Amino acid sequence: MKNTKRCPVCGSTDVIRVPDDAHRYLSNGIFLTRALMVKRIPVARYVCHDCGYLENWVENQHERDKIKRAWG
């Protein structure tokens, strides 16, 4: 959905991007440490308005590299 702007389930083009908020407590991110929840990678969500299908994306390559180093 991120790239095509179309839902793969129902075909709708009514796709909503919900950005992650780094300042929001318990936001939908990926934590890079097991002990303390201080290093976090934001995850953007793409939601189909019509059927509710949801995709999560780490949009920045640099952040994906951090995940690979921490969990890879």
PDB file of N, CA and C in Angstrom:
ATOM      1  N   MET A   1       0.824  -1.199   0.000  1.00  0.00           N
ATOM      2  CA  MET A   1       0.000   0.000   0.000  1.00  0.00           C
ATOM      3  C   MET A   1       0.856   1.245   0.000  1.00  0.00           C
ATOM      4  N   LYS A   2       2.014   1.166   0.662  1.00  0.00           N
ATOM      5  CA  LYS A   2       2.885   2.335   0.739  1.00  0.00           C
ATOM      6  C   LYS A   2       3.283   2.806  -0.657  1.00  0.00           C
ATOM      7  N   ASN A   3       3.649   1.881  -1.514  1.00  0.00           N
ATOM      8  CA  ASN A   3       4.145   2.246  -2.840  1.00  0.00           C
ATOM      9  C   ASN A   3       3.043   2.346  -3.887  1.00  0.00           C
ATOM     10  N   THR A   4       2.056   1.481  -3.805  1.00  0.00           N
ATOM     11  CA  THR A   4       1.016   1.440  -4.843  1.00  0.00           C
ATOM     12  C   THR A   4      -0.160   2.363  -4.554  1.00  0.00           C
ATOM     13  N   LYS A   5      -0.308   2.777  -3.283  1.00  0.00           N
ATOM     14  CA  LYS A   5      -1.456   3.594  -2.848  1.00  0.00           C
ATOM     15  C   LYS A   5      -2.774   2.869  -3.093  1.00  0.00           C
ATOM     16  N   ARG A   6      -2.709   1.537  -3.124  1.00  0.00           N
ATOM     17  CA  ARG A   6      -3.895   0.706  -3.343  1.00  0.00           C
ATOM     18  C   ARG A   6      -3.859  -0.474  -2.376  1.00  0.00           C
ATOM     19  N   CYS A   7      -5.012  -0.793  -1.804  1.00  0.00           N
ATOM     20  CA  CYS A   7      -5.112  -1.910  -0.880  1.00  0.00           C
ATOM     21  C   CYS A   7      -4.984  -3.231  -1.634  1.00  0.00           C
ATOM     22  N   PRO A   8      -4.084  -4.134  -1.198  1.00  0.00           N
ATOM     23  CA  PRO A   8      -3.942  -5.414  -1.885  1.00  0.00           C
ATOM     24  C   PRO A   8      -5.098  -6.387  -1.607  1.00  0.00           C
ATOM     25  N   VAL A   9      -5.914  -6.095  -0.612  1.00  0.00           N
ATOM     26  CA  VAL A   9      -7.018  -6.983  -0.254  1.00  0.00           C
ATOM     27  C   VAL A   9      -8.280  -6.639  -1.045  1.00  0.00           C
ATOM     28  N   CYS A  10      -8.690  -5.370  -0.995  1.00  0.00           N
ATOM     29  CA  CYS A  10      -9.966  -4.990  -1.623  1.00  0.00           C
ATOM     30  C   CYS A  10      -9.804  -4.099  -2.846  1.00  0.00           C
ATOM     31  N   GLY A  11      -8.579  -3.584  -3.091  1.00  0.00           N
ATOM     32  CA  GLY A  11      -8.347  -2.750  -4.269  1.00  0.00           C
ATOM     33  C   GLY A  11      -8.663  -1.279  -4.086  1.00  0.00           C
ATOM     34  N   SER A  12      -9.097  -0.891  -2.906  1.00  0.00           N
ATOM     35  CA  SER A  12      -9.445   0.506  -2.657  1.00  0.00           C
ATOM     36  C   SER A  12      -8.213   1.404  -2.750  1.00  0.00           C
ATOM     37  N   THR A  13      -8.434   2.630  -3.159  1.00  0.00           N
ATOM     38  CA  THR A  13      -7.360   3.626  -3.169  1.00  0.00           C
ATOM     39  C   THR A  13      -7.493   4.603  -1.997  1.00  0.00           C
ATOM     40  N   ASP A  14      -8.403   4.315  -1.088  1.00  0.00           N
ATOM     41  CA  ASP A  14      -8.606   5.158   0.093  1.00  0.00           C
ATOM     42  C   ASP A  14      -7.697   4.645   1.211  1.00  0.00           C
ATOM     43  N   VAL A  15      -6.398   4.952   1.096  1.00  0.00           N
ATOM     44  CA  VAL A  15      -5.379   4.477   2.020  1.00  0.00           C
ATOM     45  C   VAL A  15      -4.915   5.646   2.881  1.00  0.00           C
ATOM     46  N   ILE A  16      -4.835   5.424   4.183  1.00  0.00           N
ATOM     47  CA  ILE A  16      -4.461   6.462   5.139  1.00  0.00           C
ATOM     48  C   ILE A  16      -3.108   6.120   5.740  1.00  0.00           C
ATOM     49  N   ARG A  17      -2.175   7.082   5.725  1.00  0.00           N
ATOM     50  CA  ARG A  17      -0.873   6.902   6.370  1.00  0.00           C
ATOM     51  C   ARG A  17      -0.961   7.464   7.784  1.00  0.00           C
ATOM     52  N   VAL A  18      -0.633   6.636   8.767  1.00  0.00           N
ATOM     53  CA  VAL A  18      -0.644   7.057  10.169  1.00  0.00           C
ATOM     54  C   VAL A  18       0.809   7.070  10.639  1.00  0.00           C
ATOM     55  N   PRO A  19       1.397   8.255  10.822  1.00  0.00           N
ATOM     56  CA  PRO A  19       2.798   8.305  11.238  1.00  0.00           C
ATOM     57  C   PRO A  19       2.957   7.916  12.698  1.00  0.00           C
ATOM     58  N   ASP A  20       4.127   7.397  13.031  1.00  0.00           N
ATOM     59  CA  ASP A  20       4.444   7.080  14.422  1.00  0.00           C
ATOM     60  C   ASP A  20       4.851   8.377  15.113  1.00  0.00           C
ATOM     61  N   ASP A  21       4.525   8.486  16.376  1.00  0.00           N
ATOM     62  CA  ASP A  21       4.865   9.669  17.156  1.00  0.00           C
ATOM     63  C   ASP A  21       5.879   9.263  18.219  1.00  0.00           C
ATOM     64  N   ALA A  22       7.120   9.668  18.050  1.00  0.00           N
ATOM     65  CA  ALA A  22       8.195   9.272  18.959  1.00  0.00           C
ATOM     66  C   ALA A  22       7.985   9.794  20.376  1.00  0.00           C
ATOM     67  N   HIS A  23       7.171  10.807  20.548  1.00  0.00           N
ATOM     68  CA  HIS A  23       6.964  11.396  21.865  1.00  0.00           C
ATOM     69  C   HIS A  23       5.765  10.794  22.594  1.00  0.00           C
ATOM     70  N   ARG A  24       5.042   9.943  21.926  1.00  0.00           N
ATOM     71  CA  ARG A  24       3.864   9.324  22.528  1.00  0.00           C
ATOM     72  C   ARG A  24       4.276   8.066  23.287  1.00  0.00           C
ATOM     73  N   TYR A  25       3.840   7.941  24.506  1.00  0.00           N
ATOM     74  CA  TYR A  25       4.161   6.778  25.327  1.00  0.00           C
ATOM     75  C   TYR A  25       3.604   5.513  24.686  1.00  0.00           C
ATOM     76  N   LEU A  26       4.442   4.489  24.607  1.00  0.00           N
ATOM     77  CA  LEU A  26       4.077   3.198  24.026  1.00  0.00           C
ATOM     78  C   LEU A  26       3.576   3.317  22.590  1.00  0.00           C
ATOM     79  N   SER A  27       4.224   4.144  21.814  1.00  0.00           N
ATOM     80  CA  SER A  27       3.847   4.244  20.413  1.00  0.00           C
ATOM     81  C   SER A  27       4.278   2.982  19.685  1.00  0.00           C
ATOM     82  N   ASN A  28       3.840   2.822  18.472  1.00  0.00           N
ATOM     83  CA  ASN A  28       4.034   1.600  17.695  1.00  0.00           C
ATOM     84  C   ASN A  28       5.413   1.576  17.042  1.00  0.00           C
ATOM     85  N   GLY A  29       6.460   1.415  17.829  1.00  0.00           N
ATOM     86  CA  GLY A  29       7.804   1.395  17.283  1.00  0.00           C
ATOM     87  C   GLY A  29       8.483   0.068  17.531  1.00  0.00           C
ATOM     88  N   ILE A  30       9.709  -0.050  17.025  1.00  0.00           N
ATOM     89  CA  ILE A  30      10.528  -1.228  17.250  1.00  0.00           C
ATOM     90  C   ILE A  30      11.629  -0.830  18.209  1.00  0.00           C
ATOM     91  N   PHE A  31      11.693  -1.518  19.324  1.00  0.00           N
ATOM     92  CA  PHE A  31      12.712  -1.202  20.324  1.00  0.00           C
ATOM     93  C   PHE A  31      14.003  -1.922  19.985  1.00  0.00           C
ATOM     94  N   LEU A  32      15.126  -1.220  20.131  1.00  0.00           N
ATOM     95  CA  LEU A  32      16.418  -1.764  19.759  1.00  0.00           C
ATOM     96  C   LEU A  32      17.135  -2.453  20.916  1.00  0.00           C
ATOM     97  N   THR A  33      16.631  -2.318  22.117  1.00  0.00           N
ATOM     98  CA  THR A  33      17.243  -2.972  23.278  1.00  0.00           C
ATOM     99  C   THR A  33      16.192  -3.789  24.010  1.00  0.00           C
ATOM    100  N   ARG A  34      16.639  -4.803  24.674  1.00  0.00           N
ATOM    101  CA  ARG A  34      15.707  -5.639  25.432  1.00  0.00           C
ATOM    102  C   ARG A  34      15.505  -5.121  26.846  1.00  0.00           C
ATOM    103  N   ALA A  35      16.544  -4.522  27.418  1.00  0.00           N
ATOM    104  CA  ALA A  35      16.490  -4.116  28.821  1.00  0.00           C
ATOM    105  C   ALA A  35      15.701  -2.826  29.025  1.00  0.00           C
ATOM    106  N   LEU A  36      16.048  -1.792  28.308  1.00  0.00           N
ATOM    107  CA  LEU A  36      15.392  -0.493  28.467  1.00  0.00           C
ATOM    108  C   LEU A  36      14.708  -0.094  27.170  1.00  0.00           C
ATOM    109  N   MET A  37      13.538   0.474  27.307  1.00  0.00           N
ATOM    110  CA  MET A  37      12.813   0.887  26.114  1.00  0.00           C
ATOM    111  C   MET A  37      13.145   2.339  25.785  1.00  0.00           C
ATOM    112  N   VAL A  38      14.417   2.588  25.452  1.00  0.00           N
ATOM    113  CA  VAL A  38      14.824   3.955  25.180  1.00  0.00           C
ATOM    114  C   VAL A  38      15.154   4.183  23.712  1.00  0.00           C
ATOM    115  N   LYS A  39      15.756   3.206  23.061  1.00  0.00           N
ATOM    116  CA  LYS A  39      16.075   3.340  21.644  1.00  0.00           C
ATOM    117  C   LYS A  39      14.960   2.702  20.847  1.00  0.00           C
ATOM    118  N   ARG A  40      14.295   3.523  20.044  1.00  0.00           N
ATOM    119  CA  ARG A  40      13.104   3.063  19.339  1.00  0.00           C
ATOM    120  C   ARG A  40      13.109   3.558  17.904  1.00  0.00           C
ATOM    121  N   ILE A  41      12.710   2.705  16.989  1.00  0.00           N
ATOM    122  CA  ILE A  41      12.595   3.041  15.572  1.00  0.00           C
ATOM    123  C   ILE A  41      11.116   3.270  15.266  1.00  0.00           C
ATOM    124  N   PRO A  42      10.777   4.392  14.644  1.00  0.00           N
ATOM    125  CA  PRO A  42       9.367   4.644  14.330  1.00  0.00           C
ATOM    126  C   PRO A  42       8.859   3.728  13.213  1.00  0.00           C
ATOM    127  N   VAL A  43       7.587   3.362  13.318  1.00  0.00           N
ATOM    128  CA  VAL A  43       6.936   2.520  12.320  1.00  0.00           C
ATOM    129  C   VAL A  43       5.685   3.248  11.830  1.00  0.00           C
ATOM    130  N   ALA A  44       5.637   3.527  10.532  1.00  0.00           N
ATOM    131  CA  ALA A  44       4.451   4.159   9.945  1.00  0.00           C
ATOM    132  C   ALA A  44       3.441   3.068   9.594  1.00  0.00           C
ATOM    133  N   ARG A  45       2.175   3.378   9.773  1.00  0.00           N
ATOM    134  CA  ARG A  45       1.115   2.432   9.437  1.00  0.00           C
ATOM    135  C   ARG A  45       0.321   2.944   8.251  1.00  0.00           C
ATOM    136  N   TYR A  46      -0.045   2.022   7.385  1.00  0.00           N
ATOM    137  CA  TYR A  46      -0.902   2.327   6.245  1.00  0.00           C
ATOM    138  C   TYR A  46      -2.169   1.504   6.417  1.00  0.00           C
ATOM    139  N   VAL A  47      -3.316   2.194   6.474  1.00  0.00           N
ATOM    140  CA  VAL A  47      -4.590   1.557   6.770  1.00  0.00           C
ATOM    141  C   VAL A  47      -5.549   1.777   5.613  1.00  0.00           C
ATOM    142  N   CYS A  48      -6.185   0.698   5.167  1.00  0.00           N
ATOM    143  CA  CYS A  48      -7.235   0.821   4.153  1.00  0.00           C
ATOM    144  C   CYS A  48      -8.516   1.263   4.852  1.00  0.00           C
ATOM    145  N   HIS A  49      -9.059   2.379   4.420  1.00  0.00           N
ATOM    146  CA  HIS A  49     -10.287   2.901   5.016  1.00  0.00           C
ATOM    147  C   HIS A  49     -11.472   1.981   4.761  1.00  0.00           C
ATOM    148  N   ASP A  50     -11.486   1.313   3.616  1.00  0.00           N
ATOM    149  CA  ASP A  50     -12.653   0.519   3.240  1.00  0.00           C
ATOM    150  C   ASP A  50     -12.724  -0.840   3.934  1.00  0.00           C
ATOM    151  N   CYS A  51     -11.597  -1.573   4.016  1.00  0.00           N
ATOM    152  CA  CYS A  51     -11.673  -2.920   4.599  1.00  0.00           C
ATOM    153  C   CYS A  51     -10.895  -3.068   5.904  1.00  0.00           C
ATOM    154  N   GLY A  52     -10.045  -2.087   6.243  1.00  0.00           N
ATOM    155  CA  GLY A  52      -9.319  -2.139   7.496  1.00  0.00           C
ATOM    156  C   GLY A  52      -7.979  -2.843   7.435  1.00  0.00           C
ATOM    157  N   TYR A  53      -7.579  -3.303   6.270  1.00  0.00           N
ATOM    158  CA  TYR A  53      -6.274  -3.953   6.142  1.00  0.00           C
ATOM    159  C   TYR A  53      -5.187  -2.981   6.578  1.00  0.00           C
ATOM    160  N   LEU A  54      -4.137  -3.517   7.242  1.00  0.00           N
ATOM    161  CA  LEU A  54      -3.097  -2.674   7.824  1.00  0.00           C
ATOM    162  C   LEU A  54      -1.717  -3.193   7.444  1.00  0.00           C
ATOM    163  N   GLU A  55      -0.820  -2.277   7.073  1.00  0.00           N
ATOM    164  CA  GLU A  55       0.592  -2.597   6.849  1.00  0.00           C
ATOM    165  C   GLU A  55       1.441  -1.685   7.716  1.00  0.00           C
ATOM    166  N   ASN A  56       2.536  -2.230   8.254  1.00  0.00           N
ATOM    167  CA  ASN A  56       3.509  -1.451   9.022  1.00  0.00           C
ATOM    168  C   ASN A  56       4.780  -1.331   8.199  1.00  0.00           C
ATOM    169  N   TRP A  57       5.371  -0.128   8.196  1.00  0.00           N
ATOM    170  CA  TRP A  57       6.583   0.114   7.418  1.00  0.00           C
ATOM    171  C   TRP A  57       7.597   0.908   8.228  1.00  0.00           C
ATOM    172  N   VAL A  58       8.856   0.453   8.189  1.00  0.00           N
ATOM    173  CA  VAL A  58       9.984   1.268   8.646  1.00  0.00           C
ATOM    174  C   VAL A  58      10.490   1.929   7.370  1.00  0.00           C
ATOM    175  N   GLU A  59      10.253   3.218   7.239  1.00  0.00           N
ATOM    176  CA  GLU A  59      10.433   3.884   5.950  1.00  0.00           C
ATOM    177  C   GLU A  59      11.862   4.341   5.666  1.00  0.00           C
ATOM    178  N   ASN A  60      12.703   4.436   6.679  1.00  0.00           N
ATOM    179  CA  ASN A  60      14.042   4.974   6.505  1.00  0.00           C
ATOM    180  C   ASN A  60      15.080   3.843   6.467  1.00  0.00           C
ATOM    181  N   GLN A  61      15.911   3.813   5.435  1.00  0.00           N
ATOM    182  CA  GLN A  61      16.924   2.767   5.294  1.00  0.00           C
ATOM    183  C   GLN A  61      17.894   2.750   6.475  1.00  0.00           C
ATOM    184  N   HIS A  62      18.292   3.926   6.936  1.00  0.00           N
ATOM    185  CA  HIS A  62      19.214   4.026   8.071  1.00  0.00           C
ATOM    186  C   HIS A  62      18.612   3.350   9.314  1.00  0.00           C
ATOM    187  N   GLU A  63      17.319   3.517   9.520  1.00  0.00           N
ATOM    188  CA  GLU A  63      16.655   2.899  10.655  1.00  0.00           C
ATOM    189  C   GLU A  63      16.549   1.385  10.481  1.00  0.00           C
ATOM    190  N   ARG A  64      16.337   0.918   9.243  1.00  0.00           N
ATOM    191  CA  ARG A  64      16.323  -0.532   9.001  1.00  0.00           C
ATOM    192  C   ARG A  64      17.691  -1.133   9.259  1.00  0.00           C
ATOM    193  N   ASP A  65      18.755  -0.378   8.950  1.00  0.00           N
ATOM    194  CA  ASP A  65      20.114  -0.852   9.246  1.00  0.00           C
ATOM    195  C   ASP A  65      20.328  -1.010  10.752  1.00  0.00           C
ATOM    196  N   LYS A  66      19.787  -0.073  11.548  1.00  0.00           N
ATOM    197  CA  LYS A  66      19.889  -0.166  13.001  1.00  0.00           C
ATOM    198  C   LYS A  66      19.184  -1.412  13.523  1.00  0.00           C
ATOM    199  N   ILE A  67      18.036  -1.731  12.956  1.00  0.00           N
ATOM    200  CA  ILE A  67      17.289  -2.921  13.368  1.00  0.00           C
ATOM    201  C   ILE A  67      18.109  -4.177  13.057  1.00  0.00           C
ATOM    202  N   LYS A  68      18.727  -4.200  11.894  1.00  0.00           N
ATOM    203  CA  LYS A  68      19.517  -5.368  11.523  1.00  0.00           C
ATOM    204  C   LYS A  68      20.702  -5.554  12.473  1.00  0.00           C
ATOM    205  N   ARG A  69      21.353  -4.453  12.831  1.00  0.00           N
ATOM    206  CA  ARG A  69      22.477  -4.552  13.774  1.00  0.00           C
ATOM    207  C   ARG A  69      22.016  -5.020  15.151  1.00  0.00           C
ATOM    208  N   ALA A  70      20.869  -4.571  15.591  1.00  0.00           N
ATOM    209  CA  ALA A  70      20.376  -4.914  16.921  1.00  0.00           C
ATOM    210  C   ALA A  70      19.776  -6.312  16.986  1.00  0.00           C
ATOM    211  N   TRP A  71      19.052  -6.727  15.963  1.00  0.00           N
ATOM    212  CA  TRP A  71      18.285  -7.967  16.018  1.00  0.00           C
ATOM    213  C   TRP A  71      18.665  -8.995  14.949  1.00  0.00           C
ATOM    214  N   GLY A  72      19.448  -8.553  13.946  1.00  0.00           N
ATOM    215  CA  GLY A  72      19.748  -9.384  12.782  1.00  0.00           C
ATOM    216  C   GLY A  72      20.431 -10.668  13.042  1.00  0.00           C
TER     217      GLY A  72
END
